[in-house]
Amino acid sequence: MSINPQVQLKTRAVLNIPVQSYKYDFTFIVNGDEFNTSTIIADLLSPVISYNHQNDPTFSTFTISTDHRGDFSNVLKLATFRPFTIPEDEIQFFAEVIEKLGNSSIDISN
């Protein structure tokens, strides 16, 4: 009886992808302001967007309205996979955006 080996690409391989160099073909509209990024970054930031792309590959705009104000470009920085500091007065904004993105893989900690 022979045992066939299993192979798997490790999740950390995604860190080698130069996601910032992909074509900026996706637009977030946040509180009326436009932020352009790549589809791959949009998919990484939001399972909701990723799901929509599975059903409609041409899906290219996602609108977010929040009660609190903040700089959405900081949200896009999450695609660097490195920790960074956000202003304390933007925590509520970040929390709202994360909820609307449907992403449970983003941590906010002190």
PDB file of N, CA and C in Angstrom:
ATOM      1  N   MET A   1       0.834  -1.167   0.000  1.00  0.00           N
ATOM      2  CA  MET A   1       0.000   0.000   0.000  1.00  0.00           C
ATOM      3  C   MET A   1       0.893   1.249   0.000  1.00  0.00           C
ATOM      4  N   SER A   2       0.710   2.079  -1.015  1.00  0.00           N
ATOM      5  CA  SER A   2       1.545   3.269  -1.120  1.00  0.00           C
ATOM      6  C   SER A   2       0.783   4.499  -0.622  1.00  0.00           C
ATOM      7  N   ILE A   3       1.505   5.403  -0.012  1.00  0.00           N
ATOM      8  CA  ILE A   3       0.919   6.646   0.487  1.00  0.00           C
ATOM      9  C   ILE A   3       1.346   7.766  -0.448  1.00  0.00           C
ATOM     10  N   ASN A   4       0.393   8.431  -1.023  1.00  0.00           N
ATOM     11  CA  ASN A   4       0.693   9.538  -1.922  1.00  0.00           C
ATOM     12  C   ASN A   4       0.921  10.806  -1.103  1.00  0.00           C
ATOM     13  N   PRO A   5       2.011  11.507  -1.374  1.00  0.00           N
ATOM     14  CA  PRO A   5       2.288  12.739  -0.623  1.00  0.00           C
ATOM     15  C   PRO A   5       1.310  13.853  -1.019  1.00  0.00           C
ATOM     16  N   GLN A   6       1.005  14.707  -0.061  1.00  0.00           N
ATOM     17  CA  GLN A   6       0.166  15.872  -0.320  1.00  0.00           C
ATOM     18  C   GLN A   6       1.058  17.085  -0.476  1.00  0.00           C
ATOM     19  N   VAL A   7       0.644  17.975  -1.348  1.00  0.00           N
ATOM     20  CA  VAL A   7       1.373  19.225  -1.542  1.00  0.00           C
ATOM     21  C   VAL A   7       0.395  20.391  -1.385  1.00  0.00           C
ATOM     22  N   GLN A   8       0.936  21.525  -0.958  1.00  0.00           N
ATOM     23  CA  GLN A   8       0.098  22.705  -0.762  1.00  0.00           C
ATOM     24  C   GLN A   8       0.969  23.951  -0.818  1.00  0.00           C
ATOM     25  N   LEU A   9       0.470  24.973  -1.518  1.00  0.00           N
ATOM     26  CA  LEU A   9       1.136  26.268  -1.521  1.00  0.00           C
ATOM     27  C   LEU A   9       0.794  26.959  -0.211  1.00  0.00           C
ATOM     28  N   LYS A  10       1.789  27.441   0.496  1.00  0.00           N
ATOM     29  CA  LYS A  10       1.549  28.080   1.787  1.00  0.00           C
ATOM     30  C   LYS A  10       0.928  29.461   1.596  1.00  0.00           C
ATOM     31  N   THR A  11       0.041  29.806   2.514  1.00  0.00           N
ATOM     32  CA  THR A  11      -0.673  31.077   2.454  1.00  0.00           C
ATOM     33  C   THR A  11       0.285  32.256   2.406  1.00  0.00           C
ATOM     34  N   ARG A  12       1.400  32.163   3.076  1.00  0.00           N
ATOM     35  CA  ARG A  12       2.333  33.287   3.113  1.00  0.00           C
ATOM     36  C   ARG A  12       2.940  33.592   1.739  1.00  0.00           C
ATOM     37  N   ALA A  13       2.725  32.737   0.753  1.00  0.00           N
ATOM     38  CA  ALA A  13       3.215  33.003  -0.602  1.00  0.00           C
ATOM     39  C   ALA A  13       2.583  34.263  -1.177  1.00  0.00           C
ATOM     40  N   VAL A  14       1.404  34.618  -0.686  1.00  0.00           N
ATOM     41  CA  VAL A  14       0.733  35.831  -1.165  1.00  0.00           C
ATOM     42  C   VAL A  14       1.572  37.075  -0.845  1.00  0.00           C
ATOM     43  N   LEU A  15       2.424  37.002   0.168  1.00  0.00           N
ATOM     44  CA  LEU A  15       3.266  38.135   0.529  1.00  0.00           C
ATOM     45  C   LEU A  15       4.289  38.463  -0.553  1.00  0.00           C
ATOM     46  N   ASN A  16       4.548  37.523  -1.455  1.00  0.00           N
ATOM     47  CA  ASN A  16       5.505  37.739  -2.539  1.00  0.00           C
ATOM     48  C   ASN A  16       4.871  38.402  -3.759  1.00  0.00           C
ATOM     49  N   ILE A  17       3.555  38.552  -3.750  1.00  0.00           N
ATOM     50  CA  ILE A  17       2.866  39.153  -4.889  1.00  0.00           C
ATOM     51  C   ILE A  17       2.978  40.669  -4.798  1.00  0.00           C
ATOM     52  N   PRO A  18       3.464  41.324  -5.838  1.00  0.00           N
ATOM     53  CA  PRO A  18       3.577  42.790  -5.812  1.00  0.00           C
ATOM     54  C   PRO A  18       2.218  43.439  -6.105  1.00  0.00           C
ATOM     55  N   VAL A  19       1.296  43.341  -5.144  1.00  0.00           N
ATOM     56  CA  VAL A  19      -0.082  43.774  -5.380  1.00  0.00           C
ATOM     57  C   VAL A  19      -0.184  45.256  -5.735  1.00  0.00           C
ATOM     58  N   GLN A  20       0.766  46.075  -5.306  1.00  0.00           N
ATOM     59  CA  GLN A  20       0.729  47.504  -5.607  1.00  0.00           C
ATOM     60  C   GLN A  20       1.047  47.797  -7.076  1.00  0.00           C
ATOM     61  N   SER A  21       1.606  46.831  -7.795  1.00  0.00           N
ATOM     62  CA  SER A  21       1.989  47.085  -9.180  1.00  0.00           C
ATOM     63  C   SER A  21       0.944  46.635 -10.197  1.00  0.00           C
ATOM     64  N   TYR A  22      -0.170  46.065  -9.736  1.00  0.00           N
ATOM     65  CA  TYR A  22      -1.234  45.665 -10.648  1.00  0.00           C
ATOM     66  C   TYR A  22      -2.005  46.885 -11.130  1.00  0.00           C
ATOM     67  N   LYS A  23      -2.622  46.750 -12.292  1.00  0.00           N
ATOM     68  CA  LYS A  23      -3.415  47.826 -12.888  1.00  0.00           C
ATOM     69  C   LYS A  23      -4.508  48.287 -11.926  1.00  0.00           C
ATOM     70  N   TYR A  24      -4.641  49.594 -11.769  1.00  0.00           N
ATOM     71  CA  TYR A  24      -5.674  50.169 -10.902  1.00  0.00           C
ATOM     72  C   TYR A  24      -6.988  50.196 -11.673  1.00  0.00           C
ATOM     73  N   ASP A  25      -7.752  49.123 -11.524  1.00  0.00           N
ATOM     74  CA  ASP A  25      -8.984  48.941 -12.285  1.00  0.00           C
ATOM     75  C   ASP A  25     -10.215  48.797 -11.396  1.00  0.00           C
ATOM     76  N   PHE A  26     -10.078  49.176 -10.138  1.00  0.00           N
ATOM     77  CA  PHE A  26     -11.190  49.080  -9.190  1.00  0.00           C
ATOM     78  C   PHE A  26     -11.291  50.397  -8.435  1.00  0.00           C
ATOM     79  N   THR A  27     -12.524  50.828  -8.179  1.00  0.00           N
ATOM     80  CA  THR A  27     -12.742  52.094  -7.486  1.00  0.00           C
ATOM     81  C   THR A  27     -13.605  51.906  -6.254  1.00  0.00           C
ATOM     82  N   PHE A  28     -13.100  52.382  -5.134  1.00  0.00           N
ATOM     83  CA  PHE A  28     -13.904  52.509  -3.922  1.00  0.00           C
ATOM     84  C   PHE A  28     -14.434  53.939  -3.901  1.00  0.00           C
ATOM     85  N   ILE A  29     -15.708  54.099  -3.654  1.00  0.00           N
ATOM     86  CA  ILE A  29     -16.280  55.425  -3.446  1.00  0.00           C
ATOM     87  C   ILE A  29     -16.654  55.480  -1.972  1.00  0.00           C
ATOM     88  N   VAL A  30     -15.915  56.282  -1.236  1.00  0.00           N
ATOM     89  CA  VAL A  30     -16.083  56.342   0.215  1.00  0.00           C
ATOM     90  C   VAL A  30     -16.512  57.752   0.597  1.00  0.00           C
ATOM     91  N   ASN A  31     -17.725  57.840   1.102  1.00  0.00           N
ATOM     92  CA  ASN A  31     -18.293  59.139   1.488  1.00  0.00           C
ATOM     93  C   ASN A  31     -18.158  60.164   0.363  1.00  0.00           C
ATOM     94  N   GLY A  32     -18.358  59.696  -0.869  1.00  0.00           N
ATOM     95  CA  GLY A  32     -18.335  60.574  -2.032  1.00  0.00           C
ATOM     96  C   GLY A  32     -16.980  60.764  -2.682  1.00  0.00           C
ATOM     97  N   ASP A  33     -15.897  60.303  -2.044  1.00  0.00           N
ATOM     98  CA  ASP A  33     -14.549  60.432  -2.610  1.00  0.00           C
ATOM     99  C   ASP A  33     -14.132  59.123  -3.269  1.00  0.00           C
ATOM    100  N   GLU A  34     -13.439  59.228  -4.404  1.00  0.00           N
ATOM    101  CA  GLU A  34     -12.991  58.040  -5.131  1.00  0.00           C
ATOM    102  C   GLU A  34     -11.563  57.662  -4.759  1.00  0.00           C
ATOM    103  N   PHE A  35     -11.360  56.368  -4.592  1.00  0.00           N
ATOM    104  CA  PHE A  35     -10.036  55.803  -4.309  1.00  0.00           C
ATOM    105  C   PHE A  35      -9.822  54.645  -5.272  1.00  0.00           C
ATOM    106  N   ASN A  36      -8.813  54.751  -6.111  1.00  0.00           N
ATOM    107  CA  ASN A  36      -8.535  53.713  -7.095  1.00  0.00           C
ATOM    108  C   ASN A  36      -7.489  52.747  -6.589  1.00  0.00           C
ATOM    109  N   THR A  37      -7.691  51.492  -6.937  1.00  0.00           N
ATOM    110  CA  THR A  37      -6.762  50.437  -6.555  1.00  0.00           C
ATOM    111  C   THR A  37      -6.916  49.306  -7.566  1.00  0.00           C
ATOM    112  N   SER A  38      -6.230  48.211  -7.328  1.00  0.00           N
ATOM    113  CA  SER A  38      -6.357  47.056  -8.217  1.00  0.00           C
ATOM    114  C   SER A  38      -7.458  46.125  -7.714  1.00  0.00           C
ATOM    115  N   THR A  39      -7.965  45.336  -8.614  1.00  0.00           N
ATOM    116  CA  THR A  39      -8.990  44.355  -8.250  1.00  0.00           C
ATOM    117  C   THR A  39      -8.459  43.374  -7.217  1.00  0.00           C
ATOM    118  N   ILE A  40      -7.198  42.990  -7.335  1.00  0.00           N
ATOM    119  CA  ILE A  40      -6.646  42.025  -6.378  1.00  0.00           C
ATOM    120  C   ILE A  40      -6.623  42.615  -4.967  1.00  0.00           C
ATOM    121  N   ILE A  41      -6.298  43.888  -4.825  1.00  0.00           N
ATOM    122  CA  ILE A  41      -6.317  44.519  -3.504  1.00  0.00           C
ATOM    123  C   ILE A  41      -7.751  44.592  -2.992  1.00  0.00           C
ATOM    124  N   ALA A  42      -8.677  44.974  -3.851  1.00  0.00           N
ATOM    125  CA  ALA A  42     -10.086  45.023  -3.447  1.00  0.00           C
ATOM    126  C   ALA A  42     -10.554  43.653  -2.961  1.00  0.00           C
ATOM    127  N   ASP A  43     -10.176  42.596  -3.675  1.00  0.00           N
ATOM    128  CA  ASP A  43     -10.558  41.237  -3.277  1.00  0.00           C
ATOM    129  C   ASP A  43      -9.920  40.830  -1.951  1.00  0.00           C
ATOM    130  N   LEU A  44      -8.668  41.229  -1.737  1.00  0.00           N
ATOM    131  CA  LEU A  44      -7.995  40.914  -0.480  1.00  0.00           C
ATOM    132  C   LEU A  44      -8.650  41.633   0.699  1.00  0.00           C
ATOM    133  N   LEU A  45      -9.056  42.876   0.482  1.00  0.00           N
ATOM    134  CA  LEU A  45      -9.645  43.668   1.560  1.00  0.00           C
ATOM    135  C   LEU A  45     -11.079  43.270   1.884  1.00  0.00           C
ATOM    136  N   SER A  46     -11.783  42.700   0.919  1.00  0.00           N
ATOM    137  CA  SER A  46     -13.202  42.460   1.139  1.00  0.00           C
ATOM    138  C   SER A  46     -13.703  41.134   0.571  1.00  0.00           C
ATOM    139  N   PRO A  47     -14.125  40.222   1.443  1.00  0.00           N
ATOM    140  CA  PRO A  47     -14.774  39.004   0.969  1.00  0.00           C
ATOM    141  C   PRO A  47     -16.060  39.312   0.200  1.00  0.00           C
ATOM    142  N   VAL A  48     -16.715  40.410   0.527  1.00  0.00           N
ATOM    143  CA  VAL A  48     -17.931  40.807  -0.185  1.00  0.00           C
ATOM    144  C   VAL A  48     -17.593  41.107  -1.647  1.00  0.00           C
ATOM    145  N   ILE A  49     -16.530  41.870  -1.857  1.00  0.00           N
ATOM    146  CA  ILE A  49     -16.108  42.201  -3.214  1.00  0.00           C
ATOM    147  C   ILE A  49     -15.632  40.953  -3.946  1.00  0.00           C
ATOM    148  N   SER A  50     -14.852  40.127  -3.273  1.00  0.00           N
ATOM    149  CA  SER A  50     -14.366  38.889  -3.874  1.00  0.00           C
ATOM    150  C   SER A  50     -15.533  38.006  -4.330  1.00  0.00           C
ATOM    151  N   TYR A  51     -16.559  37.905  -3.498  1.00  0.00           N
ATOM    152  CA  TYR A  51     -17.748  37.118  -3.850  1.00  0.00           C
ATOM    153  C   TYR A  51     -18.426  37.715  -5.085  1.00  0.00           C
ATOM    154  N   ASN A  52     -18.546  39.044  -5.116  1.00  0.00           N
ATOM    155  CA  ASN A  52     -19.155  39.696  -6.277  1.00  0.00           C
ATOM    156  C   ASN A  52     -18.348  39.436  -7.545  1.00  0.00           C
ATOM    157  N   HIS A  53     -17.031  39.391  -7.440  1.00  0.00           N
ATOM    158  CA  HIS A  53     -16.193  39.108  -8.611  1.00  0.00           C
ATOM    159  C   HIS A  53     -16.389  37.679  -9.109  1.00  0.00           C
ATOM    160  N   GLN A  54     -16.674  36.769  -8.214  1.00  0.00           N
ATOM    161  CA  GLN A  54     -16.934  35.396  -8.640  1.00  0.00           C
ATOM    162  C   GLN A  54     -18.183  35.327  -9.509  1.00  0.00           C
ATOM    163  N   ASN A  55     -19.162  36.162  -9.193  1.00  0.00           N
ATOM    164  CA  ASN A  55     -20.414  36.177  -9.949  1.00  0.00           C
ATOM    165  C   ASN A  55     -20.380  37.127 -11.139  1.00  0.00           C
ATOM    166  N   ASP A  56     -19.571  38.186 -11.051  1.00  0.00           N
ATOM    167  CA  ASP A  56     -19.485  39.182 -12.110  1.00  0.00           C
ATOM    168  C   ASP A  56     -18.055  39.717 -12.179  1.00  0.00           C
ATOM    169  N   PRO A  57     -17.224  39.154 -13.051  1.00  0.00           N
ATOM    170  CA  PRO A  57     -15.822  39.572 -13.143  1.00  0.00           C
ATOM    171  C   PRO A  57     -15.639  41.042 -13.544  1.00  0.00           C
ATOM    172  N   THR A  58     -16.687  41.685 -14.060  1.00  0.00           N
ATOM    173  CA  THR A  58     -16.575  43.088 -14.460  1.00  0.00           C
ATOM    174  C   THR A  58     -16.902  44.052 -13.316  1.00  0.00           C
ATOM    175  N   PHE A  59     -17.293  43.533 -12.170  1.00  0.00           N
ATOM    176  CA  PHE A  59     -17.623  44.355 -10.994  1.00  0.00           C
ATOM    177  C   PHE A  59     -16.401  45.212 -10.647  1.00  0.00           C
ATOM    178  N   SER A  60     -16.560  46.549 -10.657  1.00  0.00           N
ATOM    179  CA  SER A  60     -15.378  47.394 -10.500  1.00  0.00           C
ATOM    180  C   SER A  60     -15.568  48.614  -9.594  1.00  0.00           C
ATOM    181  N   THR A  61     -16.694  48.713  -8.909  1.00  0.00           N
ATOM    182  CA  THR A  61     -16.936  49.851  -8.023  1.00  0.00           C
ATOM    183  C   THR A  61     -17.652  49.372  -6.770  1.00  0.00           C
ATOM    184  N   PHE A  62     -17.221  49.881  -5.623  1.00  0.00           N
ATOM    185  CA  PHE A  62     -17.851  49.544  -4.352  1.00  0.00           C
ATOM    186  C   PHE A  62     -18.014  50.842  -3.571  1.00  0.00           C
ATOM    187  N   THR A  63     -19.243  51.116  -3.155  1.00  0.00           N
ATOM    188  CA  THR A  63     -19.536  52.364  -2.450  1.00  0.00           C
ATOM    189  C   THR A  63     -19.710  52.102  -0.960  1.00  0.00           C
ATOM    190  N   ILE A  64     -19.068  52.942  -0.168  1.00  0.00           N
ATOM    191  CA  ILE A  64     -19.140  52.848   1.291  1.00  0.00           C
ATOM    192  C   ILE A  64     -19.528  54.214   1.837  1.00  0.00           C
ATOM    193  N   SER A  65     -20.545  54.227   2.681  1.00  0.00           N
ATOM    194  CA  SER A  65     -20.925  55.440   3.408  1.00  0.00           C
ATOM    195  C   SER A  65     -20.749  55.163   4.887  1.00  0.00           C
ATOM    196  N   THR A  66     -20.114  56.108   5.574  1.00  0.00           N
ATOM    197  CA  THR A  66     -19.877  55.930   7.006  1.00  0.00           C
ATOM    198  C   THR A  66     -20.403  57.123   7.785  1.00  0.00           C
ATOM    199  N   ASP A  67     -20.662  56.894   9.063  1.00  0.00           N
ATOM    200  CA  ASP A  67     -21.067  57.975   9.958  1.00  0.00           C
ATOM    201  C   ASP A  67     -19.867  58.775  10.436  1.00  0.00           C
ATOM    202  N   HIS A  68     -18.725  58.101  10.524  1.00  0.00           N
ATOM    203  CA  HIS A  68     -17.494  58.750  10.987  1.00  0.00           C
ATOM    204  C   HIS A  68     -16.595  59.051   9.799  1.00  0.00           C
ATOM    205  N   ARG A  69     -15.724  60.013   9.956  1.00  0.00           N
ATOM    206  CA  ARG A  69     -14.809  60.415   8.885  1.00  0.00           C
ATOM    207  C   ARG A  69     -13.417  59.836   9.130  1.00  0.00           C
ATOM    208  N   GLY A  70     -12.720  59.591   8.024  1.00  0.00           N
ATOM    209  CA  GLY A  70     -11.368  59.077   8.111  1.00  0.00           C
ATOM    210  C   GLY A  70     -10.759  59.028   6.718  1.00  0.00           C
ATOM    211  N   ASP A  71      -9.528  58.613   6.658  1.00  0.00           N
ATOM    212  CA  ASP A  71      -8.777  58.559   5.401  1.00  0.00           C
ATOM    213  C   ASP A  71      -8.766  57.126   4.876  1.00  0.00           C
ATOM    214  N   PHE A  72      -9.533  56.876   3.821  1.00  0.00           N
ATOM    215  CA  PHE A  72      -9.624  55.524   3.275  1.00  0.00           C
ATOM    216  C   PHE A  72      -8.300  55.043   2.696  1.00  0.00           C
ATOM    217  N   SER A  73      -7.412  55.963   2.335  1.00  0.00           N
ATOM    218  CA  SER A  73      -6.117  55.511   1.819  1.00  0.00           C
ATOM    219  C   SER A  73      -5.367  54.704   2.878  1.00  0.00           C
ATOM    220  N   ASN A  74      -5.655  54.960   4.153  1.00  0.00           N
ATOM    221  CA  ASN A  74      -5.059  54.129   5.204  1.00  0.00           C
ATOM    222  C   ASN A  74      -5.594  52.703   5.139  1.00  0.00           C
ATOM    223  N   VAL A  75      -6.846  52.537   4.788  1.00  0.00           N
ATOM    224  CA  VAL A  75      -7.414  51.196   4.630  1.00  0.00           C
ATOM    225  C   VAL A  75      -6.690  50.471   3.503  1.00  0.00           C
ATOM    226  N   LEU A  76      -6.420  51.175   2.419  1.00  0.00           N
ATOM    227  CA  LEU A  76      -5.707  50.557   1.297  1.00  0.00           C
ATOM    228  C   LEU A  76      -4.298  50.125   1.689  1.00  0.00           C
ATOM    229  N   LYS A  77      -3.701  50.778   2.679  1.00  0.00           N
ATOM    230  CA  LYS A  77      -2.361  50.399   3.162  1.00  0.00           C
ATOM    231  C   LYS A  77      -2.350  48.996   3.766  1.00  0.00           C
ATOM    232  N   LEU A  78      -3.521  48.489   4.147  1.00  0.00           N
ATOM    233  CA  LEU A  78      -3.576  47.142   4.709  1.00  0.00           C
ATOM    234  C   LEU A  78      -3.012  46.107   3.734  1.00  0.00           C
ATOM    235  N   ALA A  79      -3.055  46.414   2.447  1.00  0.00           N
ATOM    236  CA  ALA A  79      -2.557  45.476   1.435  1.00  0.00           C
ATOM    237  C   ALA A  79      -1.044  45.314   1.469  1.00  0.00           C
ATOM    238  N   THR A  80      -0.349  46.103   2.289  1.00  0.00           N
ATOM    239  CA  THR A  80       1.093  45.913   2.458  1.00  0.00           C
ATOM    240  C   THR A  80       1.392  44.774   3.427  1.00  0.00           C
ATOM    241  N   PHE A  81       0.370  44.347   4.180  1.00  0.00           N
ATOM    242  CA  PHE A  81       0.502  43.284   5.177  1.00  0.00           C
ATOM    243  C   PHE A  81       1.480  43.644   6.291  1.00  0.00           C
ATOM    244  N   ARG A  82       1.683  44.936   6.485  1.00  0.00           N
ATOM    245  CA  ARG A  82       2.556  45.411   7.563  1.00  0.00           C
ATOM    246  C   ARG A  82       1.727  46.241   8.544  1.00  0.00           C
ATOM    247  N   PRO A  83       2.030  46.162   9.821  1.00  0.00           N
ATOM    248  CA  PRO A  83       1.293  46.991  10.783  1.00  0.00           C
ATOM    249  C   PRO A  83       1.642  48.466  10.603  1.00  0.00           C
ATOM    250  N   PHE A  84       0.681  49.318  10.851  1.00  0.00           N
ATOM    251  CA  PHE A  84       0.910  50.758  10.810  1.00  0.00           C
ATOM    252  C   PHE A  84      -0.049  51.414  11.788  1.00  0.00           C
ATOM    253  N   THR A  85       0.207  52.660  12.086  1.00  0.00           N
ATOM    254  CA  THR A  85      -0.567  53.402  13.066  1.00  0.00           C
ATOM    255  C   THR A  85      -1.588  54.282  12.362  1.00  0.00           C
ATOM    256  N   ILE A  86      -2.803  54.295  12.911  1.00  0.00           N
ATOM    257  CA  ILE A  86      -3.826  55.209  12.406  1.00  0.00           C
ATOM    258  C   ILE A  86      -4.143  56.214  13.502  1.00  0.00           C
ATOM    259  N   PRO A  87      -4.584  57.408  13.128  1.00  0.00           N
ATOM    260  CA  PRO A  87      -4.962  58.383  14.147  1.00  0.00           C
ATOM    261  C   PRO A  87      -6.105  57.855  15.015  1.00  0.00           C
ATOM    262  N   GLU A  88      -6.050  58.145  16.298  1.00  0.00           N
ATOM    263  CA  GLU A  88      -7.062  57.653  17.230  1.00  0.00           C
ATOM    264  C   GLU A  88      -8.465  58.085  16.820  1.00  0.00           C
ATOM    265  N   ASP A  89      -8.583  59.285  16.241  1.00  0.00           N
ATOM    266  CA  ASP A  89      -9.909  59.773  15.857  1.00  0.00           C
ATOM    267  C   ASP A  89     -10.460  59.094  14.598  1.00  0.00           C
ATOM    268  N   GLU A  90      -9.690  58.160  14.013  1.00  0.00           N
ATOM    269  CA  GLU A  90     -10.166  57.413  12.846  1.00  0.00           C
ATOM    270  C   GLU A  90     -10.549  55.972  13.180  1.00  0.00           C
ATOM    271  N   ILE A  91     -10.445  55.568  14.422  1.00  0.00           N
ATOM    272  CA  ILE A  91     -10.736  54.182  14.794  1.00  0.00           C
ATOM    273  C   ILE A  91     -12.178  53.813  14.464  1.00  0.00           C
ATOM    274  N   GLN A  92     -13.122  54.701  14.776  1.00  0.00           N
ATOM    275  CA  GLN A  92     -14.526  54.413  14.481  1.00  0.00           C
ATOM    276  C   GLN A  92     -14.759  54.294  12.977  1.00  0.00           C
ATOM    277  N   PHE A  93     -14.108  55.155  12.202  1.00  0.00           N
ATOM    278  CA  PHE A  93     -14.192  55.083  10.747  1.00  0.00           C
ATOM    279  C   PHE A  93     -13.681  53.723  10.263  1.00  0.00           C
ATOM    280  N   PHE A  94     -12.504  53.332  10.739  1.00  0.00           N
ATOM    281  CA  PHE A  94     -11.920  52.043  10.359  1.00  0.00           C
ATOM    282  C   PHE A  94     -12.868  50.900  10.698  1.00  0.00           C
ATOM    283  N   ALA A  95     -13.430  50.928  11.886  1.00  0.00           N
ATOM    284  CA  ALA A  95     -14.342  49.863  12.310  1.00  0.00           C
ATOM    285  C   ALA A  95     -15.561  49.791  11.383  1.00  0.00           C
ATOM    286  N   GLU A  96     -16.100  50.936  11.028  1.00  0.00           N
ATOM    287  CA  GLU A  96     -17.247  50.957  10.114  1.00  0.00           C
ATOM    288  C   GLU A  96     -16.875  50.386   8.748  1.00  0.00           C
ATOM    289  N   VAL A  97     -15.730  50.808   8.223  1.00  0.00           N
ATOM    290  CA  VAL A  97     -15.298  50.350   6.907  1.00  0.00           C
ATOM    291  C   VAL A  97     -15.053  48.845   6.919  1.00  0.00           C
ATOM    292  N   ILE A  98     -14.373  48.359   7.939  1.00  0.00           N
ATOM    293  CA  ILE A  98     -14.088  46.923   8.038  1.00  0.00           C
ATOM    294  C   ILE A  98     -15.387  46.117   8.052  1.00  0.00           C
ATOM    295  N   GLU A  99     -16.372  46.614   8.776  1.00  0.00           N
ATOM    296  CA  GLU A  99     -17.666  45.929   8.818  1.00  0.00           C
ATOM    297  C   GLU A  99     -18.307  45.894   7.433  1.00  0.00           C
ATOM    298  N   LYS A 100     -18.264  47.013   6.718  1.00  0.00           N
ATOM    299  CA  LYS A 100     -18.883  47.084   5.393  1.00  0.00           C
ATOM    300  C   LYS A 100     -18.122  46.249   4.372  1.00  0.00           C
ATOM    301  N   LEU A 101     -16.816  46.096   4.567  1.00  0.00           N
ATOM    302  CA  LEU A 101     -16.022  45.236   3.689  1.00  0.00           C
ATOM    303  C   LEU A 101     -16.282  43.765   3.981  1.00  0.00           C
ATOM    304  N   GLY A 102     -16.828  43.482   5.153  1.00  0.00           N
ATOM    305  CA  GLY A 102     -17.110  42.095   5.533  1.00  0.00           C
ATOM    306  C   GLY A 102     -15.854  41.307   5.849  1.00  0.00           C
ATOM    307  N   ASN A 103     -14.822  41.997   6.334  1.00  0.00           N
ATOM    308  CA  ASN A 103     -13.537  41.343   6.567  1.00  0.00           C
ATOM    309  C   ASN A 103     -13.301  41.117   8.057  1.00  0.00           C
ATOM    310  N   SER A 104     -13.231  39.856   8.443  1.00  0.00           N
ATOM    311  CA  SER A 104     -12.948  39.517   9.840  1.00  0.00           C
ATOM    312  C   SER A 104     -11.464  39.233  10.068  1.00  0.00           C
ATOM    313  N   SER A 105     -10.648  39.474   9.044  1.00  0.00           N
ATOM    314  CA  SER A 105      -9.200  39.212   9.153  1.00  0.00           C
ATOM    315  C   SER A 105      -8.385  40.469   9.355  1.00  0.00           C
ATOM    316  N   ILE A 106      -9.039  41.565   9.732  1.00  0.00           N
ATOM    317  CA  ILE A 106      -8.344  42.818   9.996  1.00  0.00           C
ATOM    318  C   ILE A 106      -8.431  43.092  11.486  1.00  0.00           C
ATOM    319  N   ASP A 107      -7.283  43.274  12.117  1.00  0.00           N
ATOM    320  CA  ASP A 107      -7.228  43.534  13.542  1.00  0.00           C
ATOM    321  C   ASP A 107      -6.896  45.002  13.795  1.00  0.00           C
ATOM    322  N   ILE A 108      -7.602  45.573  14.765  1.00  0.00           N
ATOM    323  CA  ILE A 108      -7.259  46.899  15.295  1.00  0.00           C
ATOM    324  C   ILE A 108      -6.879  46.682  16.750  1.00  0.00           C
ATOM    325  N   SER A 109      -5.649  47.025  17.088  1.00  0.00           N
ATOM    326  CA  SER A 109      -5.207  46.845  18.477  1.00  0.00           C
ATOM    327  C   SER A 109      -4.386  48.029  18.921  1.00  0.00           C
ATOM    328  N   ASN A 110      -4.258  48.161  20.225  1.00  0.00           N
ATOM    329  CA  ASN A 110      -3.445  49.249  20.794  1.00  0.00           C
ATOM    330  C   ASN A 110      -2.043  48.764  21.061  1.00  0.00           C
TER     331      ASN A 110
END
